[in-house]
Amino acid sequence: SGRTNKEISQILQLSEETTKNHVSGILRNFRVQTRSQAIIEA
């Protein structure tokens, strides 16, 4: 939905570092390198 890591952190009540870790996990799972590629793969 276009949210930044900071916004995701605030909405889910996570630290920004934890959010970054989740985004990295998604990228690894999807075997992509960027958020844009992750959106396409999703």
Full PDB file with SEQRES, HELIX, SHEET, SSBOND, CRYST1, ORIGX, SCALE, CONECT and MASTER records, all heavy atoms in Angstrom:
SEQRES   1 A   42  SER GLY ARG THR ASN LYS GLU ILE SER GLN ILE LEU GLN          
SEQRES   2 A   42  LEU SER GLU GLU THR THR LYS ASN HIS VAL SER GLY ILE          
SEQRES   3 A   42  LEU ARG ASN PHE ARG VAL GLN THR ARG SER GLN ALA ILE          
SEQRES   4 A   42  ILE GLU ALA                                                  
HELIX    1 AA1 ASN A    5  LEU A   12  1                                   8    
HELIX    2 AA2 GLU A   16  PHE A   30  1                                  15    
HELIX    3 AA3 ARG A   35  GLU A   41  1                                   7    
CRYST1    1.000    1.000    1.000  90.00  90.00  90.00 P 1           1          
ORIGX1      1.000000  0.000000  0.000000        0.00000                         
ORIGX2      0.000000  1.000000  0.000000        0.00000                         
ORIGX3      0.000000  0.000000  1.000000        0.00000                         
SCALE1      1.000000  0.000000  0.000000        0.00000                         
SCALE2      0.000000  1.000000  0.000000        0.00000                         
SCALE3      0.000000  0.000000  1.000000        0.00000                         
ATOM      1  N   SER A   1       0.821  -1.213   0.000  1.00  0.00           N  
ATOM      2  CA  SER A   1       0.000   0.000   0.000  1.00  0.00           C  
ATOM      3  C   SER A   1       0.856   1.265   0.000  1.00  0.00           C  
ATOM      4  O   SER A   1       0.336   2.368   0.175  1.00  0.00           O  
ATOM      5  CB  SER A   1      -0.981  -0.008   1.178  1.00  0.00           C  
ATOM      6  OG  SER A   1      -0.282   0.047   2.405  1.00  0.00           O  
ATOM      7  N   GLY A   2       2.172   1.100  -0.197  1.00  0.00           N  
ATOM      8  CA  GLY A   2       3.048   2.249  -0.372  1.00  0.00           C  
ATOM      9  C   GLY A   2       3.612   2.838   0.905  1.00  0.00           C  
ATOM     10  O   GLY A   2       4.170   3.936   0.880  1.00  0.00           O  
ATOM     11  N   ARG A   3       3.492   2.136   2.005  1.00  0.00           N  
ATOM     12  CA  ARG A   3       3.994   2.660   3.283  1.00  0.00           C  
ATOM     13  C   ARG A   3       5.511   2.562   3.367  1.00  0.00           C  
ATOM     14  O   ARG A   3       6.108   1.632   2.841  1.00  0.00           O  
ATOM     15  CB  ARG A   3       3.393   1.882   4.458  1.00  0.00           C  
ATOM     16  CG  ARG A   3       1.896   1.851   4.510  1.00  0.00           C  
ATOM     17  CD  ARG A   3       1.321   3.197   4.855  1.00  0.00           C  
ATOM     18  NE  ARG A   3      -0.122   3.071   5.005  1.00  0.00           N  
ATOM     19  CZ  ARG A   3      -0.823   3.757   5.882  1.00  0.00           C  
ATOM     20  NH1 ARG A   3      -0.251   4.617   6.671  1.00  0.00           N  
ATOM     21  NH2 ARG A   3      -2.126   3.593   5.933  1.00  0.00           N  
ATOM     22  N   THR A   4       6.120   3.516   4.040  1.00  0.00           N  
ATOM     23  CA  THR A   4       7.562   3.483   4.287  1.00  0.00           C  
ATOM     24  C   THR A   4       7.837   2.570   5.480  1.00  0.00           C  
ATOM     25  O   THR A   4       6.925   2.219   6.241  1.00  0.00           O  
ATOM     26  CB  THR A   4       8.086   4.888   4.628  1.00  0.00           C  
ATOM     27  OG1 THR A   4       7.501   5.319   5.863  1.00  0.00           O  
ATOM     28  CG2 THR A   4       7.785   5.886   3.513  1.00  0.00           C  
ATOM     29  N   ASN A   5       9.115   2.211   5.668  1.00  0.00           N  
ATOM     30  CA  ASN A   5       9.472   1.405   6.834  1.00  0.00           C  
ATOM     31  C   ASN A   5       9.070   2.105   8.125  1.00  0.00           C  
ATOM     32  O   ASN A   5       8.581   1.470   9.057  1.00  0.00           O  
ATOM     33  CB  ASN A   5      10.973   1.104   6.849  1.00  0.00           C  
ATOM     34  CG  ASN A   5      11.371   0.037   5.848  1.00  0.00           C  
ATOM     35  OD1 ASN A   5      10.523  -0.567   5.201  1.00  0.00           O  
ATOM     36  ND2 ASN A   5      12.652  -0.173   5.718  1.00  0.00           N  
ATOM     37  N   LYS A   6       9.260   3.420   8.175  1.00  0.00           N  
ATOM     38  CA  LYS A   6       8.897   4.177   9.380  1.00  0.00           C  
ATOM     39  C   LYS A   6       7.394   4.079   9.644  1.00  0.00           C  
ATOM     40  O   LYS A   6       6.966   3.844  10.776  1.00  0.00           O  
ATOM     41  CB  LYS A   6       9.321   5.637   9.240  1.00  0.00           C  
ATOM     42  CG  LYS A   6       9.069   6.459  10.474  1.00  0.00           C  
ATOM     43  CD  LYS A   6       9.629   7.857  10.336  1.00  0.00           C  
ATOM     44  CE  LYS A   6       9.438   8.623  11.630  1.00  0.00           C  
ATOM     45  NZ  LYS A   6      10.102   9.925  11.586  1.00  0.00           N  
ATOM     46  N   GLU A   7       6.594   4.234   8.600  1.00  0.00           N  
ATOM     47  CA  GLU A   7       5.135   4.126   8.755  1.00  0.00           C  
ATOM     48  C   GLU A   7       4.731   2.711   9.162  1.00  0.00           C  
ATOM     49  O   GLU A   7       3.865   2.536  10.029  1.00  0.00           O  
ATOM     50  CB  GLU A   7       4.437   4.519   7.452  1.00  0.00           C  
ATOM     51  CG  GLU A   7       4.547   5.988   7.120  1.00  0.00           C  
ATOM     52  CD  GLU A   7       4.063   6.322   5.723  1.00  0.00           C  
ATOM     53  OE1 GLU A   7       4.207   5.491   4.797  1.00  0.00           O  
ATOM     54  OE2 GLU A   7       3.549   7.445   5.550  1.00  0.00           O  
ATOM     55  N   ILE A   8       5.347   1.707   8.535  1.00  0.00           N  
ATOM     56  CA  ILE A   8       5.042   0.318   8.882  1.00  0.00           C  
ATOM     57  C   ILE A   8       5.362   0.076  10.346  1.00  0.00           C  
ATOM     58  O   ILE A   8       4.581  -0.530  11.080  1.00  0.00           O  
ATOM     59  CB  ILE A   8       5.816  -0.655   7.966  1.00  0.00           C  
ATOM     60  CG1 ILE A   8       5.297  -0.552   6.524  1.00  0.00           C  
ATOM     61  CG2 ILE A   8       5.704  -2.095   8.479  1.00  0.00           C  
ATOM     62  CD1 ILE A   8       6.169  -1.263   5.489  1.00  0.00           C  
ATOM     63  N   SER A   9       6.516   0.583  10.790  1.00  0.00           N  
ATOM     64  CA  SER A   9       6.927   0.434  12.187  1.00  0.00           C  
ATOM     65  C   SER A   9       5.896   1.029  13.138  1.00  0.00           C  
ATOM     66  O   SER A   9       5.537   0.420  14.145  1.00  0.00           O  
ATOM     67  CB  SER A   9       8.276   1.123  12.425  1.00  0.00           C  
ATOM     68  OG  SER A   9       9.270   0.540  11.637  1.00  0.00           O  
ATOM     69  N   GLN A  10       5.432   2.215  12.813  1.00  0.00           N  
ATOM     70  CA  GLN A  10       4.452   2.886  13.669  1.00  0.00           C  
ATOM     71  C   GLN A  10       3.121   2.138  13.688  1.00  0.00           C  
ATOM     72  O   GLN A  10       2.534   1.935  14.744  1.00  0.00           O  
ATOM     73  CB  GLN A  10       4.251   4.332  13.204  1.00  0.00           C  
ATOM     74  CG  GLN A  10       5.473   5.192  13.438  1.00  0.00           C  
ATOM     75  CD  GLN A  10       5.384   6.551  12.762  1.00  0.00           C  
ATOM     76  OE1 GLN A  10       4.565   6.787  11.875  1.00  0.00           O  
ATOM     77  NE2 GLN A  10       6.250   7.461  13.186  1.00  0.00           N  
ATOM     78  N   ILE A  11       2.661   1.704  12.538  1.00  0.00           N  
ATOM     79  CA  ILE A  11       1.367   1.020  12.457  1.00  0.00           C  
ATOM     80  C   ILE A  11       1.400  -0.307  13.206  1.00  0.00           C  
ATOM     81  O   ILE A  11       0.463  -0.646  13.940  1.00  0.00           O  
ATOM     82  CB  ILE A  11       0.957   0.805  10.982  1.00  0.00           C  
ATOM     83  CG1 ILE A  11       0.642   2.158  10.333  1.00  0.00           C  
ATOM     84  CG2 ILE A  11      -0.234  -0.143  10.873  1.00  0.00           C  
ATOM     85  CD1 ILE A  11       0.546   2.114   8.826  1.00  0.00           C  
ATOM     86  N   LEU A  12       2.485  -1.066  13.032  1.00  0.00           N  
ATOM     87  CA  LEU A  12       2.576  -2.393  13.646  1.00  0.00           C  
ATOM     88  C   LEU A  12       3.247  -2.365  15.020  1.00  0.00           C  
ATOM     89  O   LEU A  12       3.407  -3.414  15.642  1.00  0.00           O  
ATOM     90  CB  LEU A  12       3.326  -3.357  12.717  1.00  0.00           C  
ATOM     91  CG  LEU A  12       2.670  -3.628  11.367  1.00  0.00           C  
ATOM     92  CD1 LEU A  12       3.518  -4.581  10.545  1.00  0.00           C  
ATOM     93  CD2 LEU A  12       1.257  -4.178  11.544  1.00  0.00           C  
ATOM     94  N   GLN A  13       3.620  -1.169  15.457  1.00  0.00           N  
ATOM     95  CA  GLN A  13       4.282  -0.988  16.752  1.00  0.00           C  
ATOM     96  C   GLN A  13       5.547  -1.843  16.867  1.00  0.00           C  
ATOM     97  O   GLN A  13       5.740  -2.610  17.816  1.00  0.00           O  
ATOM     98  CB  GLN A  13       3.322  -1.258  17.909  1.00  0.00           C  
ATOM     99  CG  GLN A  13       2.152  -0.304  17.886  1.00  0.00           C  
ATOM    100  CD  GLN A  13       1.165  -0.524  19.017  1.00  0.00           C  
ATOM    101  OE1 GLN A  13       1.117  -1.589  19.615  1.00  0.00           O  
ATOM    102  NE2 GLN A  13       0.388   0.495  19.317  1.00  0.00           N  
ATOM    103  N   LEU A  14       6.402  -1.699  15.844  1.00  0.00           N  
ATOM    104  CA  LEU A  14       7.684  -2.390  15.782  1.00  0.00           C  
ATOM    105  C   LEU A  14       8.788  -1.343  15.721  1.00  0.00           C  
ATOM    106  O   LEU A  14       8.547  -0.204  15.318  1.00  0.00           O  
ATOM    107  CB  LEU A  14       7.782  -3.243  14.509  1.00  0.00           C  
ATOM    108  CG  LEU A  14       6.740  -4.312  14.272  1.00  0.00           C  
ATOM    109  CD1 LEU A  14       6.878  -4.879  12.868  1.00  0.00           C  
ATOM    110  CD2 LEU A  14       6.892  -5.410  15.304  1.00  0.00           C  
ATOM    111  N   SER A  15      10.010  -1.747  16.062  1.00  0.00           N  
ATOM    112  CA  SER A  15      11.139  -0.850  15.835  1.00  0.00           C  
ATOM    113  C   SER A  15      11.394  -0.808  14.328  1.00  0.00           C  
ATOM    114  O   SER A  15      11.020  -1.731  13.593  1.00  0.00           O  
ATOM    115  CB  SER A  15      12.389  -1.344  16.563  1.00  0.00           C  
ATOM    116  OG  SER A  15      12.902  -2.506  15.931  1.00  0.00           O  
ATOM    117  N   GLU A  16      12.035   0.270  13.883  1.00  0.00           N  
ATOM    118  CA  GLU A  16      12.351   0.346  12.458  1.00  0.00           C  
ATOM    119  C   GLU A  16      13.307  -0.767  12.060  1.00  0.00           C  
ATOM    120  O   GLU A  16      13.230  -1.295  10.952  1.00  0.00           O  
ATOM    121  CB  GLU A  16      12.927   1.716  12.099  1.00  0.00           C  
ATOM    122  CG  GLU A  16      11.849   2.787  12.021  1.00  0.00           C  
ATOM    123  CD  GLU A  16      12.350   4.088  11.426  1.00  0.00           C  
ATOM    124  OE1 GLU A  16      12.793   4.078  10.261  1.00  0.00           O  
ATOM    125  OE2 GLU A  16      12.290   5.103  12.133  1.00  0.00           O  
ATOM    126  N   GLU A  17      14.219  -1.141  12.961  1.00  0.00           N  
ATOM    127  CA  GLU A  17      15.156  -2.231  12.665  1.00  0.00           C  
ATOM    128  C   GLU A  17      14.412  -3.551  12.455  1.00  0.00           C  
ATOM    129  O   GLU A  17      14.717  -4.314  11.533  1.00  0.00           O  
ATOM    130  CB  GLU A  17      16.176  -2.370  13.794  1.00  0.00           C  
ATOM    131  CG  GLU A  17      17.308  -3.309  13.469  1.00  0.00           C  
ATOM    132  CD  GLU A  17      18.159  -2.873  12.280  1.00  0.00           C  
ATOM    133  OE1 GLU A  17      18.324  -1.658  12.058  1.00  0.00           O  
ATOM    134  OE2 GLU A  17      18.649  -3.755  11.561  1.00  0.00           O  
ATOM    135  N   THR A  18      13.425  -3.820  13.287  1.00  0.00           N  
ATOM    136  CA  THR A  18      12.630  -5.044  13.128  1.00  0.00           C  
ATOM    137  C   THR A  18      11.872  -5.011  11.812  1.00  0.00           C  
ATOM    138  O   THR A  18      11.807  -6.014  11.093  1.00  0.00           O  
ATOM    139  CB  THR A  18      11.670  -5.218  14.319  1.00  0.00           C  
ATOM    140  OG1 THR A  18      12.452  -5.355  15.505  1.00  0.00           O  
ATOM    141  CG2 THR A  18      10.779  -6.440  14.145  1.00  0.00           C  
ATOM    142  N   THR A  19      11.324  -3.863  11.473  1.00  0.00           N  
ATOM    143  CA  THR A  19      10.620  -3.726  10.198  1.00  0.00           C  
ATOM    144  C   THR A  19      11.573  -3.993   9.043  1.00  0.00           C  
ATOM    145  O   THR A  19      11.237  -4.726   8.109  1.00  0.00           O  
ATOM    146  CB  THR A  19       9.996  -2.324  10.073  1.00  0.00           C  
ATOM    147  OG1 THR A  19       9.024  -2.169  11.115  1.00  0.00           O  
ATOM    148  CG2 THR A  19       9.323  -2.124   8.724  1.00  0.00           C  
ATOM    149  N   LYS A  20      12.776  -3.422   9.102  1.00  0.00           N  
ATOM    150  CA  LYS A  20      13.772  -3.651   8.051  1.00  0.00           C  
ATOM    151  C   LYS A  20      14.090  -5.142   7.939  1.00  0.00           C  
ATOM    152  O   LYS A  20      14.253  -5.669   6.833  1.00  0.00           O  
ATOM    153  CB  LYS A  20      15.046  -2.863   8.332  1.00  0.00           C  
ATOM    154  CG  LYS A  20      14.903  -1.376   8.114  1.00  0.00           C  
ATOM    155  CD  LYS A  20      16.193  -0.651   8.470  1.00  0.00           C  
ATOM    156  CE  LYS A  20      15.997   0.842   8.437  1.00  0.00           C  
ATOM    157  NZ  LYS A  20      17.209   1.559   8.870  1.00  0.00           N  
ATOM    158  N   ASN A  21      14.183  -5.814   9.079  1.00  0.00           N  
ATOM    159  CA  ASN A  21      14.459  -7.255   9.059  1.00  0.00           C  
ATOM    160  C   ASN A  21      13.337  -8.024   8.373  1.00  0.00           C  
ATOM    161  O   ASN A  21      13.584  -8.964   7.608  1.00  0.00           O  
ATOM    162  CB  ASN A  21      14.677  -7.786  10.473  1.00  0.00           C  
ATOM    163  CG  ASN A  21      15.984  -7.336  11.073  1.00  0.00           C  
ATOM    164  OD1 ASN A  21      16.921  -6.977  10.366  1.00  0.00           O  
ATOM    165  ND2 ASN A  21      16.056  -7.321  12.395  1.00  0.00           N  
ATOM    166  N   HIS A  22      12.091  -7.634   8.643  1.00  0.00           N  
ATOM    167  CA  HIS A  22      10.954  -8.298   7.992  1.00  0.00           C  
ATOM    168  C   HIS A  22      10.962  -8.032   6.486  1.00  0.00           C  
ATOM    169  O   HIS A  22      10.713  -8.945   5.690  1.00  0.00           O  
ATOM    170  CB  HIS A  22       9.631  -7.847   8.603  1.00  0.00           C  
ATOM    171  CG  HIS A  22       9.345  -8.425   9.944  1.00  0.00           C  
ATOM    172  ND1 HIS A  22       9.380  -9.778  10.208  1.00  0.00           N  
ATOM    173  CD2 HIS A  22       9.019  -7.827  11.116  1.00  0.00           C  
ATOM    174  CE1 HIS A  22       9.088  -9.995  11.479  1.00  0.00           C  
ATOM    175  NE2 HIS A  22       8.875  -8.817  12.046  1.00  0.00           N  
ATOM    176  N   VAL A  23      11.245  -6.790   6.088  1.00  0.00           N  
ATOM    177  CA  VAL A  23      11.303  -6.466   4.655  1.00  0.00           C  
ATOM    178  C   VAL A  23      12.414  -7.277   3.997  1.00  0.00           C  
ATOM    179  O   VAL A  23      12.213  -7.857   2.921  1.00  0.00           O  
ATOM    180  CB  VAL A  23      11.498  -4.949   4.437  1.00  0.00           C  
ATOM    181  CG1 VAL A  23      11.777  -4.651   2.955  1.00  0.00           C  
ATOM    182  CG2 VAL A  23      10.267  -4.179   4.902  1.00  0.00           C  
ATOM    183  N   SER A  24      13.569  -7.373   4.652  1.00  0.00           N  
ATOM    184  CA  SER A  24      14.675  -8.168   4.103  1.00  0.00           C  
ATOM    185  C   SER A  24      14.276  -9.633   3.954  1.00  0.00           C  
ATOM    186  O   SER A  24      14.628 -10.284   2.960  1.00  0.00           O  
ATOM    187  CB  SER A  24      15.908  -8.059   4.997  1.00  0.00           C  
ATOM    188  OG  SER A  24      16.425  -6.754   4.964  1.00  0.00           O  
ATOM    189  N   GLY A  25      13.543 -10.154   4.928  1.00  0.00           N  
ATOM    190  CA  GLY A  25      13.072 -11.530   4.854  1.00  0.00           C  
ATOM    191  C   GLY A  25      12.124 -11.746   3.690  1.00  0.00           C  
ATOM    192  O   GLY A  25      12.179 -12.780   3.010  1.00  0.00           O  
ATOM    193  N   ILE A  26      11.271 -10.772   3.447  1.00  0.00           N  
ATOM    194  CA  ILE A  26      10.344 -10.844   2.305  1.00  0.00           C  
ATOM    195  C   ILE A  26      11.145 -10.855   1.000  1.00  0.00           C  
ATOM    196  O   ILE A  26      10.880 -11.658   0.104  1.00  0.00           O  
ATOM    197  CB  ILE A  26       9.346  -9.675   2.341  1.00  0.00           C  
ATOM    198  CG1 ILE A  26       8.400  -9.821   3.531  1.00  0.00           C  
ATOM    199  CG2 ILE A  26       8.563  -9.570   1.026  1.00  0.00           C  
ATOM    200  CD1 ILE A  26       7.617  -8.551   3.871  1.00  0.00           C  
ATOM    201  N   LEU A  27      12.124  -9.953   0.894  1.00  0.00           N  
ATOM    202  CA  LEU A  27      12.939  -9.890  -0.320  1.00  0.00           C  
ATOM    203  C   LEU A  27      13.665 -11.206  -0.556  1.00  0.00           C  
ATOM    204  O   LEU A  27      13.703 -11.709  -1.690  1.00  0.00           O  
ATOM    205  CB  LEU A  27      13.951  -8.740  -0.232  1.00  0.00           C  
ATOM    206  CG  LEU A  27      13.397  -7.322  -0.129  1.00  0.00           C  
ATOM    207  CD1 LEU A  27      14.541  -6.313  -0.066  1.00  0.00           C  
ATOM    208  CD2 LEU A  27      12.447  -6.979  -1.247  1.00  0.00           C  
ATOM    209  N   ARG A  28      14.233 -11.779   0.506  1.00  0.00           N  
ATOM    210  CA  ARG A  28      14.915 -13.082   0.374  1.00  0.00           C  
ATOM    211  C   ARG A  28      13.944 -14.163  -0.066  1.00  0.00           C  
ATOM    212  O   ARG A  28      14.234 -14.958  -0.963  1.00  0.00           O  
ATOM    213  CB  ARG A  28      15.555 -13.486   1.709  1.00  0.00           C  
ATOM    214  CG  ARG A  28      16.944 -12.978   1.918  1.00  0.00           C  
ATOM    215  CD  ARG A  28      17.629 -13.646   3.101  1.00  0.00           C  
ATOM    216  NE  ARG A  28      16.832 -13.660   4.321  1.00  0.00           N  
ATOM    217  CZ  ARG A  28      16.741 -12.649   5.179  1.00  0.00           C  
ATOM    218  NH1 ARG A  28      17.406 -11.532   4.961  1.00  0.00           N  
ATOM    219  NH2 ARG A  28      16.006 -12.746   6.254  1.00  0.00           N  
ATOM    220  N   ASN A  29      12.786 -14.203   0.588  1.00  0.00           N  
ATOM    221  CA  ASN A  29      11.785 -15.220   0.260  1.00  0.00           C  
ATOM    222  C   ASN A  29      11.348 -15.111  -1.198  1.00  0.00           C  
ATOM    223  O   ASN A  29      11.167 -16.119  -1.874  1.00  0.00           O  
ATOM    224  CB  ASN A  29      10.583 -15.080   1.199  1.00  0.00           C  
ATOM    225  CG  ASN A  29       9.555 -16.160   0.997  1.00  0.00           C  
ATOM    226  OD1 ASN A  29       8.838 -16.159   0.001  1.00  0.00           O  
ATOM    227  ND2 ASN A  29       9.464 -17.080   1.933  1.00  0.00           N  
ATOM    228  N   PHE A  30      11.186 -13.897  -1.662  1.00  0.00           N  
ATOM    229  CA  PHE A  30      10.743 -13.660  -3.037  1.00  0.00           C  
ATOM    230  C   PHE A  30      11.899 -13.730  -4.038  1.00  0.00           C  
ATOM    231  O   PHE A  30      11.693 -13.642  -5.237  1.00  0.00           O  
ATOM    232  CB  PHE A  30      10.060 -12.298  -3.145  1.00  0.00           C  
ATOM    233  CG  PHE A  30       8.659 -12.238  -2.582  1.00  0.00           C  
ATOM    234  CD1 PHE A  30       8.080 -13.317  -1.935  1.00  0.00           C  
ATOM    235  CD2 PHE A  30       7.923 -11.079  -2.701  1.00  0.00           C  
ATOM    236  CE1 PHE A  30       6.794 -13.243  -1.432  1.00  0.00           C  
ATOM    237  CE2 PHE A  30       6.623 -10.997  -2.206  1.00  0.00           C  
ATOM    238  CZ  PHE A  30       6.060 -12.080  -1.563  1.00  0.00           C  
ATOM    239  N   ARG A  31      13.131 -13.833  -3.510  1.00  0.00           N  
ATOM    240  CA  ARG A  31      14.332 -13.884  -4.349  1.00  0.00           C  
ATOM    241  C   ARG A  31      14.440 -12.659  -5.248  1.00  0.00           C  
ATOM    242  O   ARG A  31      14.679 -12.763  -6.464  1.00  0.00           O  
ATOM    243  CB  ARG A  31      14.372 -15.173  -5.166  1.00  0.00           C  
ATOM    244  CG  ARG A  31      14.435 -16.402  -4.286  1.00  0.00           C  
ATOM    245  CD  ARG A  31      14.485 -17.666  -5.082  1.00  0.00           C  
ATOM    246  NE  ARG A  31      14.524 -18.811  -4.164  1.00  0.00           N  
ATOM    247  CZ  ARG A  31      14.192 -20.023  -4.495  1.00  0.00           C  
ATOM    248  NH1 ARG A  31      13.789 -20.303  -5.708  1.00  0.00           N  
ATOM    249  NH2 ARG A  31      14.259 -21.004  -3.607  1.00  0.00           N  
ATOM    250  N   VAL A  32      14.253 -11.491  -4.636  1.00  0.00           N  
ATOM    251  CA  VAL A  32      14.380 -10.210  -5.333  1.00  0.00           C  
ATOM    252  C   VAL A  32      15.276  -9.297  -4.497  1.00  0.00           C  
ATOM    253  O   VAL A  32      15.586  -9.605  -3.348  1.00  0.00           O  
ATOM    254  CB  VAL A  32      13.002  -9.549  -5.580  1.00  0.00           C  
ATOM    255  CG1 VAL A  32      12.125 -10.420  -6.469  1.00  0.00           C  
ATOM    256  CG2 VAL A  32      12.289  -9.232  -4.269  1.00  0.00           C  
ATOM    257  N   GLN A  33      15.653  -8.157  -5.094  1.00  0.00           N  
ATOM    258  CA  GLN A  33      16.574  -7.251  -4.418  1.00  0.00           C  
ATOM    259  C   GLN A  33      15.959  -5.922  -4.011  1.00  0.00           C  
ATOM    260  O   GLN A  33      16.522  -5.225  -3.160  1.00  0.00           O  
ATOM    261  CB  GLN A  33      17.791  -6.994  -5.307  1.00  0.00           C  
ATOM    262  CG  GLN A  33      18.611  -8.253  -5.526  1.00  0.00           C  
ATOM    263  CD  GLN A  33      19.822  -8.004  -6.395  1.00  0.00           C  
ATOM    264  OE1 GLN A  33      19.921  -6.988  -7.067  1.00  0.00           O  
ATOM    265  NE2 GLN A  33      20.749  -8.941  -6.378  1.00  0.00           N  
ATOM    266  N   THR A  34      14.836  -5.546  -4.589  1.00  0.00           N  
ATOM    267  CA  THR A  34      14.254  -4.239  -4.281  1.00  0.00           C  
ATOM    268  C   THR A  34      12.783  -4.368  -3.885  1.00  0.00           C  
ATOM    269  O   THR A  34      12.125  -5.367  -4.190  1.00  0.00           O  
ATOM    270  CB  THR A  34      14.335  -3.290  -5.503  1.00  0.00           C  
ATOM    271  OG1 THR A  34      13.461  -3.788  -6.535  1.00  0.00           O  
ATOM    272  CG2 THR A  34      15.759  -3.166  -6.017  1.00  0.00           C  
ATOM    273  N   ARG A  35      12.294  -3.323  -3.237  1.00  0.00           N  
ATOM    274  CA  ARG A  35      10.879  -3.275  -2.858  1.00  0.00           C  
ATOM    275  C   ARG A  35       9.987  -3.330  -4.097  1.00  0.00           C  
ATOM    276  O   ARG A  35       8.948  -3.984  -4.088  1.00  0.00           O  
ATOM    277  CB  ARG A  35      10.591  -2.005  -2.044  1.00  0.00           C  
ATOM    278  CG  ARG A  35      11.247  -2.002  -0.686  1.00  0.00           C  
ATOM    279  CD  ARG A  35      11.238  -0.615  -0.074  1.00  0.00           C  
ATOM    280  NE  ARG A  35       9.948  -0.217   0.430  1.00  0.00           N  
ATOM    281  CZ  ARG A  35       9.603  -0.200   1.707  1.00  0.00           C  
ATOM    282  NH1 ARG A  35      10.476  -0.548   2.625  1.00  0.00           N  
ATOM    283  NH2 ARG A  35       8.407   0.185   2.080  1.00  0.00           N  
ATOM    284  N   SER A  36      10.404  -2.626  -5.148  1.00  0.00           N  
ATOM    285  CA  SER A  36       9.608  -2.625  -6.387  1.00  0.00           C  
ATOM    286  C   SER A  36       9.487  -4.032  -6.962  1.00  0.00           C  
ATOM    287  O   SER A  36       8.405  -4.447  -7.383  1.00  0.00           O  
ATOM    288  CB  SER A  36      10.237  -1.693  -7.425  1.00  0.00           C  
ATOM    289  OG  SER A  36      10.207  -0.362  -6.966  1.00  0.00           O  
ATOM    290  N   GLN A  37      10.599  -4.748  -6.964  1.00  0.00           N  
ATOM    291  CA  GLN A  37      10.565  -6.125  -7.456  1.00  0.00           C  
ATOM    292  C   GLN A  37       9.688  -6.992  -6.550  1.00  0.00           C  
ATOM    293  O   GLN A  37       8.983  -7.886  -7.034  1.00  0.00           O  
ATOM    294  CB  GLN A  37      11.984  -6.704  -7.510  1.00  0.00           C  
ATOM    295  CG  GLN A  37      12.849  -6.082  -8.578  1.00  0.00           C  
ATOM    296  CD  GLN A  37      14.308  -6.510  -8.460  1.00  0.00           C  
ATOM    297  OE1 GLN A  37      14.791  -6.847  -7.382  1.00  0.00           O  
ATOM    298  NE2 GLN A  37      15.014  -6.491  -9.579  1.00  0.00           N  
ATOM    299  N   ALA A  38       9.727  -6.722  -5.249  1.00  0.00           N  
ATOM    300  CA  ALA A  38       8.897  -7.488  -4.303  1.00  0.00           C  
ATOM    301  C   ALA A  38       7.416  -7.256  -4.577  1.00  0.00           C  
ATOM    302  O   ALA A  38       6.610  -8.186  -4.494  1.00  0.00           O  
ATOM    303  CB  ALA A  38       9.239  -7.115  -2.864  1.00  0.00           C  
ATOM    304  N   ILE A  39       7.057  -6.029  -4.911  1.00  0.00           N  
ATOM    305  CA  ILE A  39       5.664  -5.713  -5.210  1.00  0.00           C  
ATOM    306  C   ILE A  39       5.204  -6.487  -6.445  1.00  0.00           C  
ATOM    307  O   ILE A  39       4.116  -7.063  -6.466  1.00  0.00           O  
ATOM    308  CB  ILE A  39       5.489  -4.186  -5.385  1.00  0.00           C  
ATOM    309  CG1 ILE A  39       5.644  -3.503  -4.018  1.00  0.00           C  
ATOM    310  CG2 ILE A  39       4.149  -3.851  -6.037  1.00  0.00           C  
ATOM    311  CD1 ILE A  39       5.807  -2.008  -4.080  1.00  0.00           C  
ATOM    312  N   ILE A  40       6.062  -6.529  -7.457  1.00  0.00           N  
ATOM    313  CA  ILE A  40       5.736  -7.286  -8.675  1.00  0.00           C  
ATOM    314  C   ILE A  40       5.599  -8.764  -8.348  1.00  0.00           C  
ATOM    315  O   ILE A  40       4.634  -9.429  -8.755  1.00  0.00           O  
ATOM    316  CB  ILE A  40       6.804  -7.050  -9.761  1.00  0.00           C  
ATOM    317  CG1 ILE A  40       6.736  -5.594 -10.238  1.00  0.00           C  
ATOM    318  CG2 ILE A  40       6.625  -8.023 -10.925  1.00  0.00           C  
ATOM    319  CD1 ILE A  40       7.933  -5.157 -11.056  1.00  0.00           C  
ATOM    320  N   GLU A  41       6.555  -9.292  -7.590  1.00  0.00           N  
ATOM    321  CA  GLU A  41       6.522 -10.714  -7.234  1.00  0.00           C  
ATOM    322  C   GLU A  41       5.308 -11.039  -6.364  1.00  0.00           C  
ATOM    323  O   GLU A  41       4.696 -12.096  -6.510  1.00  0.00           O  
ATOM    324  CB  GLU A  41       7.821 -11.111  -6.527  1.00  0.00           C  
ATOM    325  CG  GLU A  41       7.929 -12.579  -6.204  1.00  0.00           C  
ATOM    326  CD  GLU A  41       7.907 -13.503  -7.408  1.00  0.00           C  
ATOM    327  OE1 GLU A  41       8.212 -13.085  -8.538  1.00  0.00           O  
ATOM    328  OE2 GLU A  41       7.571 -14.697  -7.213  1.00  0.00           O  
ATOM    329  N   ALA A  42       4.952 -10.132  -5.472  1.00  0.00           N  
ATOM    330  CA  ALA A  42       3.770 -10.350  -4.631  1.00  0.00           C  
ATOM    331  C   ALA A  42       2.531 -10.506  -5.498  1.00  0.00           C  
ATOM    332  O   ALA A  42       1.686 -11.377  -5.244  1.00  0.00           O  
ATOM    333  CB  ALA A  42       3.601  -9.194  -3.650  1.00  0.00           C  
TER     334      ALA A  42                                                      
MASTER        0    0    0    3    0    0    0    6  333    1    0    4          
END                                                                             
